Amino acid sequence: MNLTIKGVPRLIHRKLQQRAKRHRRSLNKEIIAVLEDAVSPHILSPEELVDQLRTMQAKMRFSASIGEIESAINSGRE
């Protein structure tokens, strides 16, 4: 199937070209990969979820242990 996309901003086009180059793909194949990723559900493994949570926690101004978080969640349930 063929698809034409009109009016793509130059910045997006440039970023897609750079991304395609990093992944060693043609621009067309990179766009298809981006679209597939956008419409496909991605279920995280427990390890991926923990990694993402650690990354988010590192960006936060405060930190809390898993035990502190569980305690806060359960405090309203008693």
Protein backbone atom coordinates (compact mmCIF):
# COMPACT_ATOMS: atom_id res chain seq x y z
CA MET A 1 0.00 0.00 0.00
CA ASN A 2 1.23 3.48 -0.78
CA LEU A 3 0.67 6.48 1.47
CA THR A 4 1.55 10.10 0.88
CA ILE A 5 2.04 12.50 3.78
CA LYS A 6 1.88 16.16 2.87
CA GLY A 7 3.09 19.16 4.80
CA VAL A 8 5.67 17.43 7.00
CA PRO A 9 7.55 20.16 8.87
CA ARG A 10 11.25 20.39 8.03
CA LEU A 11 12.29 19.75 11.63
CA ILE A 12 10.32 16.49 11.79
CA HIS A 13 11.70 15.44 8.40
CA ARG A 14 15.25 16.15 9.57
CA LYS A 15 14.72 14.24 12.83
CA LEU A 16 13.31 11.27 10.94
CA GLN A 17 16.31 11.30 8.61
CA GLN A 18 18.70 11.39 11.57
CA ARG A 19 16.82 8.58 13.28
CA ALA A 20 16.88 6.50 10.08
CA LYS A 21 20.62 7.02 9.81
CA ARG A 22 21.16 5.93 13.45
CA HIS A 23 19.13 2.79 12.85
CA ARG A 24 20.73 2.19 9.44
CA ARG A 25 17.39 2.21 7.64
CA SER A 26 15.91 4.09 4.74
CA LEU A 27 13.65 7.00 5.60
CA ASN A 28 10.66 4.97 4.40
CA LYS A 29 11.51 1.98 6.60
CA GLU A 30 12.13 4.28 9.58
CA ILE A 31 8.72 5.91 9.17
CA ILE A 32 7.08 2.48 9.01
CA ALA A 33 8.94 1.44 12.19
CA VAL A 34 7.78 4.61 13.97
CA LEU A 35 4.18 4.02 12.89
CA GLU A 36 4.29 0.36 13.94
CA ASP A 37 5.60 1.35 17.35
CA ALA A 38 2.89 4.00 17.70
CA VAL A 39 0.00 1.62 17.02
CA SER A 40 1.33 -1.52 18.67
CA PRO A 41 0.73 -2.14 22.35
CA HIS A 42 3.99 -2.45 24.24
CA ILE A 43 3.79 -4.52 27.38
CA LEU A 44 6.71 -3.88 29.69
CA SER A 45 8.48 -6.72 31.39
CA PRO A 46 8.87 -6.36 35.15
CA GLU A 47 12.54 -5.51 34.61
CA GLU A 48 11.73 -2.78 32.08
CA LEU A 49 9.11 -1.32 34.41
CA VAL A 50 11.55 -1.22 37.34
CA ASP A 51 14.18 0.41 35.09
CA GLN A 52 11.71 3.08 34.00
CA LEU A 53 10.63 3.71 37.59
CA ARG A 54 14.26 4.08 38.69
CA THR A 55 14.90 6.53 35.85
CA MET A 56 11.85 8.56 36.83
CA GLN A 57 12.83 8.46 40.50
CA ALA A 58 16.31 9.75 39.67
CA LYS A 59 14.74 12.76 37.94
CA MET A 60 12.52 13.59 40.90
CA ARG A 61 13.53 16.11 43.57
CA PHE A 62 12.92 13.59 46.32
CA SER A 63 13.25 9.88 46.65
CA ALA A 64 11.22 7.25 48.40
CA SER A 65 11.88 3.60 48.93
CA ILE A 66 9.46 0.96 47.70
CA GLY A 67 8.49 0.34 51.33
CA GLU A 68 7.67 4.03 51.86
CA ILE A 69 5.58 4.07 48.71
CA GLU A 70 3.69 0.92 49.72
CA SER A 71 3.12 2.37 53.19
CA ALA A 72 1.70 5.58 51.72
CA ILE A 73 -0.61 3.60 49.41
CA ASN A 74 -1.84 1.36 52.22
CA SER A 75 -2.25 4.12 54.81
CA GLY A 76 -5.64 5.12 53.45
CA ARG A 77 -6.87 1.55 53.23
CA GLU A 78 -6.78 0.66 56.91
